[in-house]
């Protein structure tokens, strides 16, 4: 499996879920954000916990050049132009809603979409 970096803005929702799903499938993954939050969004943690995936101990982190260099594939989730582009890397853009402020039901729907996209990798 390829090493995948999932990047979003806050690294408190979309990218954390994607990393957890990819790791659950046996892959190596990292996640980061352009403007990291202080903790995982409450509804995101709850939605993942519902399916037996604990991400409560994960802390959002800032995107670093080293993360991009490490990855074979970089999945960008509406992180804008902050993601460094390095020749030879594969880049994918996933146009996913930021879960900040979404209710648990909406996060469940987003979770399902992210799980499908990760499975397709």
PDB file of N, CA and C in Angstrom:
ATOM      1  N   UNK A   1       0.840  -1.193   0.000  1.00  0.00           N
ATOM      2  CA  UNK A   1       0.000   0.000   0.000  1.00  0.00           C
ATOM      3  C   UNK A   1       0.877   1.245   0.000  1.00  0.00           C
ATOM      4  N   UNK A   2       0.368   2.265  -0.617  1.00  0.00           N
ATOM      5  CA  UNK A   2       1.086   3.537  -0.660  1.00  0.00           C
ATOM      6  C   UNK A   2       0.946   4.286   0.659  1.00  0.00           C
ATOM      7  N   UNK A   3       1.928   5.142   0.938  1.00  0.00           N
ATOM      8  CA  UNK A   3       1.860   6.017   2.107  1.00  0.00           C
ATOM      9  C   UNK A   3       1.035   7.234   1.702  1.00  0.00           C
ATOM     10  N   UNK A   4      -0.008   7.536   2.503  1.00  0.00           N
ATOM     11  CA  UNK A   4      -0.939   8.597   2.136  1.00  0.00           C
ATOM     12  C   UNK A   4      -0.974   9.680   3.208  1.00  0.00           C
ATOM     13  N   UNK A   5      -0.938  10.914   2.749  1.00  0.00           N
ATOM     14  CA  UNK A   5      -1.083  12.083   3.602  1.00  0.00           C
ATOM     15  C   UNK A   5      -2.432  12.717   3.293  1.00  0.00           C
ATOM     16  N   UNK A   6      -3.262  12.879   4.322  1.00  0.00           N
ATOM     17  CA  UNK A   6      -4.561  13.524   4.189  1.00  0.00           C
ATOM     18  C   UNK A   6      -4.461  14.924   4.775  1.00  0.00           C
ATOM     19  N   UNK A   7      -4.801  15.932   3.967  1.00  0.00           N
ATOM     20  CA  UNK A   7      -4.643  17.324   4.392  1.00  0.00           C
ATOM     21  C   UNK A   7      -5.970  18.060   4.284  1.00  0.00           C
ATOM     22  N   UNK A   8      -6.337  18.748   5.368  1.00  0.00           N
ATOM     23  CA  UNK A   8      -7.488  19.649   5.334  1.00  0.00           C
ATOM     24  C   UNK A   8      -7.083  20.930   6.066  1.00  0.00           C
ATOM     25  N   UNK A   9      -8.028  21.726   6.453  1.00  0.00           N
ATOM     26  CA  UNK A   9      -7.699  22.993   7.103  1.00  0.00           C
ATOM     27  C   UNK A   9      -7.372  22.787   8.584  1.00  0.00           C
ATOM     28  N   UNK A  10      -8.318  22.260   9.344  1.00  0.00           N
ATOM     29  CA  UNK A  10      -8.148  22.172  10.794  1.00  0.00           C
ATOM     30  C   UNK A  10      -7.537  20.900  11.322  1.00  0.00           C
ATOM     31  N   UNK A  11      -7.454  19.849  10.496  1.00  0.00           N
ATOM     32  CA  UNK A  11      -6.967  18.539  10.922  1.00  0.00           C
ATOM     33  C   UNK A  11      -7.703  18.059  12.168  1.00  0.00           C
ATOM     34  N   UNK A  12      -8.992  18.374  12.206  1.00  0.00           N
ATOM     35  CA  UNK A  12      -9.807  18.000  13.361  1.00  0.00           C
ATOM     36  C   UNK A  12     -11.046  17.209  12.952  1.00  0.00           C
ATOM     37  N   UNK A  13     -11.126  16.854  11.663  1.00  0.00           N
ATOM     38  CA  UNK A  13     -12.316  16.162  11.196  1.00  0.00           C
ATOM     39  C   UNK A  13     -12.046  15.270  10.011  1.00  0.00           C
ATOM     40  N   UNK A  14     -12.177  15.825   8.795  1.00  0.00           N
ATOM     41  CA  UNK A  14     -12.063  15.048   7.558  1.00  0.00           C
ATOM     42  C   UNK A  14     -10.768  14.254   7.470  1.00  0.00           C
ATOM     43  N   UNK A  15      -9.649  14.931   7.633  1.00  0.00           N
ATOM     44  CA  UNK A  15      -8.358  14.259   7.468  1.00  0.00           C
ATOM     45  C   UNK A  15      -8.111  13.239   8.575  1.00  0.00           C
ATOM     46  N   UNK A  16      -8.608  13.514   9.777  1.00  0.00           N
ATOM     47  CA  UNK A  16      -8.457  12.552  10.878  1.00  0.00           C
ATOM     48  C   UNK A  16      -9.259  11.284  10.602  1.00  0.00           C
ATOM     49  N   UNK A  17     -10.490  11.450  10.093  1.00  0.00           N
ATOM     50  CA  UNK A  17     -11.305  10.285   9.759  1.00  0.00           C
ATOM     51  C   UNK A  17     -10.642   9.473   8.652  1.00  0.00           C
ATOM     52  N   UNK A  18     -10.171  10.149   7.613  1.00  0.00           N
ATOM     53  CA  UNK A  18      -9.544   9.462   6.486  1.00  0.00           C
ATOM     54  C   UNK A  18      -8.298   8.700   6.938  1.00  0.00           C
ATOM     55  N   UNK A  19      -7.481   9.321   7.765  1.00  0.00           N
ATOM     56  CA  UNK A  19      -6.286   8.647   8.272  1.00  0.00           C
ATOM     57  C   UNK A  19      -6.681   7.390   9.039  1.00  0.00           C
ATOM     58  N   UNK A  20      -7.668   7.501   9.906  1.00  0.00           N
ATOM     59  CA  UNK A  20      -8.102   6.348  10.703  1.00  0.00           C
ATOM     60  C   UNK A  20      -8.616   5.218   9.816  1.00  0.00           C
ATOM     61  N   UNK A  21      -9.398   5.549   8.792  1.00  0.00           N
ATOM     62  CA  UNK A  21      -9.914   4.521   7.885  1.00  0.00           C
ATOM     63  C   UNK A  21      -8.783   3.853   7.097  1.00  0.00           C
ATOM     64  N   UNK A  22      -7.825   4.646   6.635  1.00  0.00           N
ATOM     65  CA  UNK A  22      -6.719   4.082   5.855  1.00  0.00           C
ATOM     66  C   UNK A  22      -5.866   3.159   6.741  1.00  0.00           C
ATOM     67  N   UNK A  23      -5.589   3.583   7.949  1.00  0.00           N
ATOM     68  CA  UNK A  23      -4.820   2.751   8.883  1.00  0.00           C
ATOM     69  C   UNK A  23      -5.586   1.482   9.233  1.00  0.00           C
ATOM     70  N   UNK A  24      -6.879   1.588   9.374  1.00  0.00           N
ATOM     71  CA  UNK A  24      -7.723   0.432   9.681  1.00  0.00           C
ATOM     72  C   UNK A  24      -7.630  -0.613   8.565  1.00  0.00           C
ATOM     73  N   UNK A  25      -7.369  -0.154   7.344  1.00  0.00           N
ATOM     74  CA  UNK A  25      -7.222  -1.054   6.193  1.00  0.00           C
ATOM     75  C   UNK A  25      -5.790  -1.581   6.067  1.00  0.00           C
ATOM     76  N   UNK A  26      -4.914  -1.197   7.012  1.00  0.00           N
ATOM     77  CA  UNK A  26      -3.548  -1.705   7.023  1.00  0.00           C
ATOM     78  C   UNK A  26      -2.520  -0.809   6.362  1.00  0.00           C
ATOM     79  N   UNK A  27      -2.909   0.393   5.966  1.00  0.00           N
ATOM     80  CA  UNK A  27      -1.991   1.300   5.304  1.00  0.00           C
ATOM     81  C   UNK A  27      -1.314   2.264   6.247  1.00  0.00           C
ATOM     82  N   UNK A  28      -0.240   2.877   5.760  1.00  0.00           N
ATOM     83  CA  UNK A  28       0.460   3.922   6.508  1.00  0.00           C
ATOM     84  C   UNK A  28      -0.122   5.265   6.096  1.00  0.00           C
ATOM     85  N   UNK A  29      -0.513   6.062   7.077  1.00  0.00           N
ATOM     86  CA  UNK A  29      -1.118   7.358   6.769  1.00  0.00           C
ATOM     87  C   UNK A  29      -0.718   8.384   7.810  1.00  0.00           C
ATOM     88  N   UNK A  30      -0.772   9.614   7.366  1.00  0.00           N
ATOM     89  CA  UNK A  30      -0.614  10.782   8.244  1.00  0.00           C
ATOM     90  C   UNK A  30      -1.715  11.754   7.867  1.00  0.00           C
ATOM     91  N   UNK A  31      -1.970  12.684   8.773  1.00  0.00           N
ATOM     92  CA  UNK A  31      -2.895  13.768   8.456  1.00  0.00           C
ATOM     93  C   UNK A  31      -2.346  15.052   9.044  1.00  0.00           C
ATOM     94  N   UNK A  32      -2.752  16.165   8.441  1.00  0.00           N
ATOM     95  CA  UNK A  32      -2.279  17.471   8.893  1.00  0.00           C
ATOM     96  C   UNK A  32      -3.237  18.533   8.396  1.00  0.00           C
ATOM     97  N   UNK A  33      -3.058  19.748   8.921  1.00  0.00           N
ATOM     98  CA  UNK A  33      -3.917  20.846   8.518  1.00  0.00           C
ATOM     99  C   UNK A  33      -3.139  22.124   8.274  1.00  0.00           C
ATOM    100  N   UNK A  34      -3.726  22.987   7.458  1.00  0.00           N
ATOM    101  CA  UNK A  34      -3.085  24.269   7.170  1.00  0.00           C
ATOM    102  C   UNK A  34      -3.218  25.227   8.360  1.00  0.00           C
ATOM    103  N   UNK A  35      -4.317  25.121   9.089  1.00  0.00           N
ATOM    104  CA  UNK A  35      -4.542  25.898  10.315  1.00  0.00           C
ATOM    105  C   UNK A  35      -5.134  24.958  11.362  1.00  0.00           C
ATOM    106  N   UNK A  36      -4.296  24.143  12.001  1.00  0.00           N
ATOM    107  CA  UNK A  36      -4.812  23.111  12.893  1.00  0.00           C
ATOM    108  C   UNK A  36      -5.610  23.652  14.081  1.00  0.00           C
ATOM    109  N   UNK A  37      -6.676  22.930  14.384  1.00  0.00           N
ATOM    110  CA  UNK A  37      -7.495  23.222  15.567  1.00  0.00           C
ATOM    111  C   UNK A  37      -6.744  22.727  16.805  1.00  0.00           C
ATOM    112  N   UNK A  38      -7.366  22.877  17.963  1.00  0.00           N
ATOM    113  CA  UNK A  38      -6.727  22.415  19.193  1.00  0.00           C
ATOM    114  C   UNK A  38      -7.073  20.961  19.514  1.00  0.00           C
ATOM    115  N   UNK A  39      -8.224  20.489  19.009  1.00  0.00           N
ATOM    116  CA  UNK A  39      -8.630  19.104  19.260  1.00  0.00           C
ATOM    117  C   UNK A  39      -9.590  18.629  18.174  1.00  0.00           C
ATOM    118  N   UNK A  40      -9.797  17.324  18.134  1.00  0.00           N
ATOM    119  CA  UNK A  40     -10.735  16.723  17.186  1.00  0.00           C
ATOM    120  C   UNK A  40     -12.144  17.234  17.504  1.00  0.00           C
ATOM    121  N   UNK A  41     -12.920  17.524  16.444  1.00  0.00           N
ATOM    122  CA  UNK A  41     -14.299  17.984  16.644  1.00  0.00           C
ATOM    123  C   UNK A  41     -15.102  16.932  17.411  1.00  0.00           C
ATOM    124  N   UNK A  42     -15.930  17.395  18.330  1.00  0.00           N
ATOM    125  CA  UNK A  42     -16.728  16.509  19.177  1.00  0.00           C
ATOM    126  C   UNK A  42     -17.559  15.521  18.349  1.00  0.00           C
ATOM    127  N   UNK A  43     -18.313  16.022  17.384  1.00  0.00           N
ATOM    128  CA  UNK A  43     -19.182  15.149  16.584  1.00  0.00           C
ATOM    129  C   UNK A  43     -18.368  14.146  15.769  1.00  0.00           C
ATOM    130  N   UNK A  44     -17.182  14.528  15.333  1.00  0.00           N
ATOM    131  CA  UNK A  44     -16.315  13.619  14.572  1.00  0.00           C
ATOM    132  C   UNK A  44     -15.842  12.485  15.476  1.00  0.00           C
ATOM    133  N   UNK A  45     -15.387  12.826  16.664  1.00  0.00           N
ATOM    134  CA  UNK A  45     -14.958  11.798  17.617  1.00  0.00           C
ATOM    135  C   UNK A  45     -16.089  10.843  17.954  1.00  0.00           C
ATOM    136  N   UNK A  46     -17.287  11.392  18.163  1.00  0.00           N
ATOM    137  CA  UNK A  46     -18.453  10.559  18.479  1.00  0.00           C
ATOM    138  C   UNK A  46     -18.820   9.654  17.309  1.00  0.00           C
ATOM    139  N   UNK A  47     -18.824  10.198  16.096  1.00  0.00           N
ATOM    140  CA  UNK A  47     -19.193   9.414  14.921  1.00  0.00           C
ATOM    141  C   UNK A  47     -18.216   8.259  14.698  1.00  0.00           C
ATOM    142  N   UNK A  48     -16.951   8.500  14.917  1.00  0.00           N
ATOM    143  CA  UNK A  48     -15.958   7.444  14.736  1.00  0.00           C
ATOM    144  C   UNK A  48     -16.063   6.413  15.858  1.00  0.00           C
ATOM    145  N   UNK A  49     -16.322   6.871  17.059  1.00  0.00           N
ATOM    146  CA  UNK A  49     -16.469   5.971  18.196  1.00  0.00           C
ATOM    147  C   UNK A  49     -17.648   5.009  17.989  1.00  0.00           C
ATOM    148  N   UNK A  50     -18.700   5.494  17.343  1.00  0.00           N
ATOM    149  CA  UNK A  50     -19.870   4.662  17.057  1.00  0.00           C
ATOM    150  C   UNK A  50     -19.529   3.416  16.246  1.00  0.00           C
ATOM    151  N   UNK A  51     -18.493   3.514  15.421  1.00  0.00           N
ATOM    152  CA  UNK A  51     -18.110   2.370  14.585  1.00  0.00           C
ATOM    153  C   UNK A  51     -16.839   1.688  15.108  1.00  0.00           C
ATOM    154  N   UNK A  52     -16.508   1.957  16.355  1.00  0.00           N
ATOM    155  CA  UNK A  52     -15.392   1.274  16.994  1.00  0.00           C
ATOM    156  C   UNK A  52     -14.015   1.822  16.685  1.00  0.00           C
ATOM    157  N   UNK A  53     -13.950   3.080  16.232  1.00  0.00           N
ATOM    158  CA  UNK A  53     -12.662   3.705  15.933  1.00  0.00           C
ATOM    159  C   UNK A  53     -12.462   4.877  16.890  1.00  0.00           C
ATOM    160  N   UNK A  54     -11.456   4.768  17.735  1.00  0.00           N
ATOM    161  CA  UNK A  54     -11.184   5.803  18.729  1.00  0.00           C
ATOM    162  C   UNK A  54     -10.131   6.775  18.204  1.00  0.00           C
ATOM    163  N   UNK A  55     -10.550   8.015  17.972  1.00  0.00           N
ATOM    164  CA  UNK A  55      -9.584   9.035  17.541  1.00  0.00           C
ATOM    165  C   UNK A  55      -9.460  10.159  18.570  1.00  0.00           C
ATOM    166  N   UNK A  56     -10.011   9.944  19.751  1.00  0.00           N
ATOM    167  CA  UNK A  56     -10.001  10.991  20.784  1.00  0.00           C
ATOM    168  C   UNK A  56      -8.605  11.414  21.195  1.00  0.00           C
ATOM    169  N   UNK A  57      -7.641  10.498  21.146  1.00  0.00           N
ATOM    170  CA  UNK A  57      -6.285  10.845  21.604  1.00  0.00           C
ATOM    171  C   UNK A  57      -5.445  11.514  20.520  1.00  0.00           C
ATOM    172  N   UNK A  58      -5.990  11.655  19.322  1.00  0.00           N
ATOM    173  CA  UNK A  58      -5.240  12.299  18.234  1.00  0.00           C
ATOM    174  C   UNK A  58      -5.293  13.813  18.393  1.00  0.00           C
ATOM    175  N   UNK A  59      -4.176  14.453  18.100  1.00  0.00           N
ATOM    176  CA  UNK A  59      -4.102  15.905  18.189  1.00  0.00           C
ATOM    177  C   UNK A  59      -3.861  16.478  16.798  1.00  0.00           C
ATOM    178  N   UNK A  60      -4.637  17.473  16.420  1.00  0.00           N
ATOM    179  CA  UNK A  60      -4.405  18.128  15.124  1.00  0.00           C
ATOM    180  C   UNK A  60      -2.980  18.675  15.054  1.00  0.00           C
ATOM    181  N   UNK A  61      -2.391  18.551  13.859  1.00  0.00           N
ATOM    182  CA  UNK A  61      -1.023  19.042  13.675  1.00  0.00           C
ATOM    183  C   UNK A  61      -0.928  19.850  12.396  1.00  0.00           C
ATOM    184  N   UNK A  62       0.045  20.723  12.383  1.00  0.00           N
ATOM    185  CA  UNK A  62       0.282  21.595  11.233  1.00  0.00           C
ATOM    186  C   UNK A  62       0.976  20.816  10.113  1.00  0.00           C
ATOM    187  N   UNK A  63       0.581  21.119   8.889  1.00  0.00           N
ATOM    188  CA  UNK A  63       1.202  20.520   7.715  1.00  0.00           C
ATOM    189  C   UNK A  63       2.652  20.974   7.616  1.00  0.00           C
ATOM    190  N   UNK A  64       3.546  20.013   7.452  1.00  0.00           N
ATOM    191  CA  UNK A  64       4.967  20.292   7.310  1.00  0.00           C
ATOM    192  C   UNK A  64       5.460  19.745   5.965  1.00  0.00           C
ATOM    193  N   UNK A  65       6.472  20.345   5.422  1.00  0.00           N
ATOM    194  CA  UNK A  65       7.087  19.890   4.177  1.00  0.00           C
ATOM    195  C   UNK A  65       7.472  18.414   4.284  1.00  0.00           C
ATOM    196  N   UNK A  66       7.979  18.003   5.451  1.00  0.00           N
ATOM    197  CA  UNK A  66       8.415  16.614   5.650  1.00  0.00           C
ATOM    198  C   UNK A  66       7.272  15.624   5.472  1.00  0.00           C
ATOM    199  N   UNK A  67       6.053  16.023   5.833  1.00  0.00           N
ATOM    200  CA  UNK A  67       4.893  15.147   5.655  1.00  0.00           C
ATOM    201  C   UNK A  67       4.660  14.882   4.168  1.00  0.00           C
ATOM    202  N   UNK A  68       4.747  15.932   3.370  1.00  0.00           N
ATOM    203  CA  UNK A  68       4.540  15.803   1.928  1.00  0.00           C
ATOM    204  C   UNK A  68       5.651  14.958   1.314  1.00  0.00           C
ATOM    205  N   UNK A  69       6.889  15.184   1.757  1.00  0.00           N
ATOM    206  CA  UNK A  69       8.021  14.409   1.248  1.00  0.00           C
ATOM    207  C   UNK A  69       7.862  12.928   1.579  1.00  0.00           C
ATOM    208  N   UNK A  70       7.321  12.604   2.748  1.00  0.00           N
ATOM    209  CA  UNK A  70       7.121  11.222   3.204  1.00  0.00           C
ATOM    210  C   UNK A  70       6.094  10.483   2.350  1.00  0.00           C
ATOM    211  N   UNK A  71       5.061  11.173   1.910  1.00  0.00           N
ATOM    212  CA  UNK A  71       3.903  10.541   1.264  1.00  0.00           C
ATOM    213  C   UNK A  71       4.144  10.171  -0.190  1.00  0.00           C
ATOM    214  N   UNK A  72       3.469   9.107  -0.608  1.00  0.00           N
ATOM    215  CA  UNK A  72       3.389   8.751  -2.027  1.00  0.00           C
ATOM    216  C   UNK A  72       2.199   9.465  -2.663  1.00  0.00           C
ATOM    217  N   UNK A  73       1.127   9.590  -1.871  1.00  0.00           N
ATOM    218  CA  UNK A  73      -0.114  10.211  -2.330  1.00  0.00           C
ATOM    219  C   UNK A  73      -0.510  11.283  -1.324  1.00  0.00           C
ATOM    220  N   UNK A  74      -0.893  12.456  -1.820  1.00  0.00           N
ATOM    221  CA  UNK A  74      -1.379  13.540  -0.967  1.00  0.00           C
ATOM    222  C   UNK A  74      -2.830  13.804  -1.344  1.00  0.00           C
ATOM    223  N   UNK A  75      -3.718  13.615  -0.368  1.00  0.00           N
ATOM    224  CA  UNK A  75      -5.140  13.869  -0.580  1.00  0.00           C
ATOM    225  C   UNK A  75      -5.470  15.211   0.059  1.00  0.00           C
ATOM    226  N   UNK A  76      -5.870  16.156  -0.786  1.00  0.00           N
ATOM    227  CA  UNK A  76      -6.193  17.510  -0.318  1.00  0.00           C
ATOM    228  C   UNK A  76      -7.704  17.642  -0.194  1.00  0.00           C
ATOM    229  N   UNK A  77      -8.130  18.128   0.964  1.00  0.00           N
ATOM    230  CA  UNK A  77      -9.552  18.290   1.243  1.00  0.00           C
ATOM    231  C   UNK A  77      -9.857  19.757   1.497  1.00  0.00           C
ATOM    232  N   UNK A  78      -9.925  20.508   0.417  1.00  0.00           N
ATOM    233  CA  UNK A  78     -10.237  21.933   0.486  1.00  0.00           C
ATOM    234  C   UNK A  78      -9.245  22.703   1.352  1.00  0.00           C
ATOM    235  N   UNK A  79      -7.971  22.387   1.233  1.00  0.00           N
ATOM    236  CA  UNK A  79      -6.958  23.073   2.048  1.00  0.00           C
ATOM    237  C   UNK A  79      -6.335  24.243   1.316  1.00  0.00           C
ATOM    238  N   UNK A  80      -6.855  24.544   0.152  1.00  0.00           N
ATOM    239  CA  UNK A  80      -6.349  25.691  -0.589  1.00  0.00           C
ATOM    240  C   UNK A  80      -4.982  25.449  -1.184  1.00  0.00           C
ATOM    241  N   UNK A  81      -4.236  26.508  -1.335  1.00  0.00           N
ATOM    242  CA  UNK A  81      -2.931  26.432  -1.983  1.00  0.00           C
ATOM    243  C   UNK A  81      -1.784  26.235  -1.007  1.00  0.00           C
ATOM    244  N   UNK A  82      -2.090  25.914   0.252  1.00  0.00           N
ATOM    245  CA  UNK A  82      -1.028  25.803   1.246  1.00  0.00           C
ATOM    246  C   UNK A  82      -0.236  24.514   1.128  1.00  0.00           C
ATOM    247  N   UNK A  83      -0.773  23.535   0.446  1.00  0.00           N
ATOM    248  CA  UNK A  83      -0.114  22.236   0.351  1.00  0.00           C
ATOM    249  C   UNK A  83       1.045  22.316  -0.642  1.00  0.00           C
ATOM    250  N   UNK A  84       2.268  22.075  -0.177  1.00  0.00           N
ATOM    251  CA  UNK A  84       3.405  22.115  -1.092  1.00  0.00           C
ATOM    252  C   UNK A  84       3.268  21.063  -2.183  1.00  0.00           C
ATOM    253  N   UNK A  85       3.597  21.422  -3.389  1.00  0.00           N
ATOM    254  CA  UNK A  85       3.549  20.482  -4.507  1.00  0.00           C
ATOM    255  C   UNK A  85       4.971  20.049  -4.815  1.00  0.00           C
ATOM    256  N   UNK A  86       5.185  18.740  -4.755  1.00  0.00           N
ATOM    257  CA  UNK A  86       6.499  18.172  -5.011  1.00  0.00           C
ATOM    258  C   UNK A  86       6.387  17.256  -6.219  1.00  0.00           C
ATOM    259  N   UNK A  87       7.252  17.424  -7.151  1.00  0.00           N
ATOM    260  CA  UNK A  87       7.268  16.606  -8.355  1.00  0.00           C
ATOM    261  C   UNK A  87       7.366  15.131  -8.000  1.00  0.00           C
ATOM    262  N   UNK A  88       6.609  14.313  -8.706  1.00  0.00           N
ATOM    263  CA  UNK A  88       6.656  12.878  -8.490  1.00  0.00           C
ATOM    264  C   UNK A  88       5.638  12.353  -7.506  1.00  0.00           C
ATOM    265  N   UNK A  89       4.928  13.241  -6.828  1.00  0.00           N
ATOM    266  CA  UNK A  89       3.887  12.825  -5.888  1.00  0.00           C
ATOM    267  C   UNK A  89       2.552  12.784  -6.618  1.00  0.00           C
ATOM    268  N   UNK A  90       1.685  11.904  -6.169  1.00  0.00           N
ATOM    269  CA  UNK A  90       0.331  11.853  -6.707  1.00  0.00           C
ATOM    270  C   UNK A  90      -0.559  12.720  -5.817  1.00  0.00           C
ATOM    271  N   UNK A  91      -1.346  13.588  -6.430  1.00  0.00           N
ATOM    272  CA  UNK A  91      -2.238  14.482  -5.683  1.00  0.00           C
ATOM    273  C   UNK A  91      -3.686  14.188  -6.064  1.00  0.00           C
ATOM    274  N   UNK A  92      -4.534  14.093  -5.049  1.00  0.00           N
ATOM    275  CA  UNK A  92      -5.969  13.918  -5.245  1.00  0.00           C
ATOM    276  C   UNK A  92      -6.681  15.038  -4.504  1.00  0.00           C
ATOM    277  N   UNK A  93      -7.739  15.558  -5.082  1.00  0.00           N
ATOM    278  CA  UNK A  93      -8.538  16.595  -4.428  1.00  0.00           C
ATOM    279  C   UNK A  93      -9.919  16.039  -4.123  1.00  0.00           C
ATOM    280  N   UNK A  94     -10.254  16.009  -2.843  1.00  0.00           N
ATOM    281  CA  UNK A  94     -11.569  15.558  -2.402  1.00  0.00           C
ATOM    282  C   UNK A  94     -12.337  16.785  -1.923  1.00  0.00           C
ATOM    283  N   UNK A  95     -13.400  17.111  -2.594  1.00  0.00           N
ATOM    284  CA  UNK A  95     -14.212  18.276  -2.263  1.00  0.00           C
ATOM    285  C   UNK A  95     -15.232  17.891  -1.191  1.00  0.00           C
ATOM    286  N   UNK A  96     -14.777  17.875   0.063  1.00  0.00           N
ATOM    287  CA  UNK A  96     -15.615  17.441   1.180  1.00  0.00           C
ATOM    288  C   UNK A  96     -15.931  18.598   2.112  1.00  0.00           C
ATOM    289  N   UNK A  97     -17.135  18.608   2.619  1.00  0.00           N
ATOM    290  CA  UNK A  97     -17.578  19.627   3.564  1.00  0.00           C
ATOM    291  C   UNK A  97     -16.781  19.550   4.859  1.00  0.00           C
ATOM    292  N   UNK A  98     -16.420  20.694   5.404  1.00  0.00           N
ATOM    293  CA  UNK A  98     -15.752  20.760   6.703  1.00  0.00           C
ATOM    294  C   UNK A  98     -16.784  20.399   7.768  1.00  0.00           C
ATOM    295  N   UNK A  99     -16.491  19.425   8.633  1.00  0.00           N
ATOM    296  CA  UNK A  99     -17.465  19.019   9.639  1.00  0.00           C
ATOM    297  C   UNK A  99     -17.613  19.976  10.818  1.00  0.00           C
ATOM    298  N   UNK A 100     -16.815  21.021  10.870  1.00  0.00           N
ATOM    299  CA  UNK A 100     -16.936  21.995  11.962  1.00  0.00           C
ATOM    300  C   UNK A 100     -18.352  22.541  11.988  1.00  0.00           C
ATOM    301  N   UNK A 101     -19.022  22.380  13.107  1.00  0.00           N
ATOM    302  CA  UNK A 101     -20.372  22.904  13.266  1.00  0.00           C
ATOM    303  C   UNK A 101     -21.483  22.000  12.760  1.00  0.00           C
ATOM    304  N   UNK A 102     -21.129  20.865  12.149  1.00  0.00           N
ATOM    305  CA  UNK A 102     -22.159  19.948  11.679  1.00  0.00           C
ATOM    306  C   UNK A 102     -22.709  19.131  12.849  1.00  0.00           C
ATOM    307  N   UNK A 103     -23.958  18.718  12.720  1.00  0.00           N
ATOM    308  CA  UNK A 103     -24.554  17.860  13.744  1.00  0.00           C
ATOM    309  C   UNK A 103     -24.057  16.425  13.530  1.00  0.00           C
ATOM    310  N   UNK A 104     -24.303  15.572  14.507  1.00  0.00           N
ATOM    311  CA  UNK A 104     -23.813  14.199  14.453  1.00  0.00           C
ATOM    312  C   UNK A 104     -24.334  13.460  13.220  1.00  0.00           C
ATOM    313  N   UNK A 105     -25.595  13.645  12.864  1.00  0.00           N
ATOM    314  CA  UNK A 105     -26.164  12.965  11.696  1.00  0.00           C
ATOM    315  C   UNK A 105     -25.436  13.382  10.412  1.00  0.00           C
ATOM    316  N   UNK A 106     -25.138  14.660  10.285  1.00  0.00           N
ATOM    317  CA  UNK A 106     -24.409  15.146   9.104  1.00  0.00           C
ATOM    318  C   UNK A 106     -22.984  14.589   9.069  1.00  0.00           C
ATOM    319  N   UNK A 107     -22.367  14.472  10.230  1.00  0.00           N
ATOM    320  CA  UNK A 107     -21.014  13.918  10.306  1.00  0.00           C
ATOM    321  C   UNK A 107     -21.036  12.435   9.945  1.00  0.00           C
ATOM    322  N   UNK A 108     -22.096  11.729  10.334  1.00  0.00           N
ATOM    323  CA  UNK A 108     -22.221  10.319   9.950  1.00  0.00           C
ATOM    324  C   UNK A 108     -22.249  10.180   8.432  1.00  0.00           C
ATOM    325  N   UNK A 109     -22.973  11.065   7.769  1.00  0.00           N
ATOM    326  CA  UNK A 109     -23.044  11.034   6.300  1.00  0.00           C
ATOM    327  C   UNK A 109     -21.671  11.312   5.691  1.00  0.00           C
ATOM    328  N   UNK A 110     -20.972  12.295   6.225  1.00  0.00           N
ATOM    329  CA  UNK A 110     -19.628  12.623   5.760  1.00  0.00           C
ATOM    330  C   UNK A 110     -18.684  11.448   6.007  1.00  0.00           C
ATOM    331  N   UNK A 111     -18.814  10.830   7.170  1.00  0.00           N
ATOM    332  CA  UNK A 111     -17.989   9.667   7.524  1.00  0.00           C
ATOM    333  C   UNK A 111     -18.144   8.563   6.474  1.00  0.00           C
ATOM    334  N   UNK A 112     -19.383   8.306   6.056  1.00  0.00           N
ATOM    335  CA  UNK A 112     -19.644   7.262   5.058  1.00  0.00           C
ATOM    336  C   UNK A 112     -18.980   7.587   3.725  1.00  0.00           C
ATOM    337  N   UNK A 113     -19.028   8.859   3.323  1.00  0.00           N
ATOM    338  CA  UNK A 113     -18.397   9.273   2.067  1.00  0.00           C
ATOM    339  C   UNK A 113     -16.881   9.100   2.163  1.00  0.00           C
ATOM    340  N   UNK A 114     -16.303   9.515   3.262  1.00  0.00           N
ATOM    341  CA  UNK A 114     -14.853   9.405   3.450  1.00  0.00           C
ATOM    342  C   UNK A 114     -14.434   7.937   3.454  1.00  0.00           C
ATOM    343  N   UNK A 115     -15.200   7.092   4.117  1.00  0.00           N
ATOM    344  CA  UNK A 115     -14.863   5.669   4.158  1.00  0.00           C
ATOM    345  C   UNK A 115     -14.871   5.066   2.754  1.00  0.00           C
ATOM    346  N   UNK A 116     -15.840   5.446   1.935  1.00  0.00           N
ATOM    347  CA  UNK A 116     -15.915   4.960   0.546  1.00  0.00           C
ATOM    348  C   UNK A 116     -14.723   5.442  -0.275  1.00  0.00           C
ATOM    349  N   UNK A 117     -14.364   6.709  -0.097  1.00  0.00           N
ATOM    350  CA  UNK A 117     -13.236   7.260  -0.855  1.00  0.00           C
ATOM    351  C   UNK A 117     -11.920   6.586  -0.450  1.00  0.00           C
ATOM    352  N   UNK A 118     -11.747   6.343   0.835  1.00  0.00           N
ATOM    353  CA  UNK A 118     -10.538   5.666   1.308  1.00  0.00           C
ATOM    354  C   UNK A 118     -10.492   4.245   0.756  1.00  0.00           C
ATOM    355  N   UNK A 119     -11.610   3.561   0.747  1.00  0.00           N
ATOM    356  CA  UNK A 119     -11.658   2.202   0.218  1.00  0.00           C
ATOM    357  C   UNK A 119     -11.266   2.164  -1.257  1.00  0.00           C
ATOM    358  N   UNK A 120     -11.601   3.225  -1.978  1.00  0.00           N
ATOM    359  CA  UNK A 120     -11.288   3.293  -3.411  1.00  0.00           C
ATOM    360  C   UNK A 120      -9.806   3.583  -3.689  1.00  0.00           C
ATOM    361  N   UNK A 121      -9.079   4.032  -2.656  1.00  0.00           N
ATOM    362  CA  UNK A 121      -7.654   4.292  -2.853  1.00  0.00           C
ATOM    363  C   UNK A 121      -6.943   2.972  -3.101  1.00  0.00           C
TER     364      UNK A 121
END
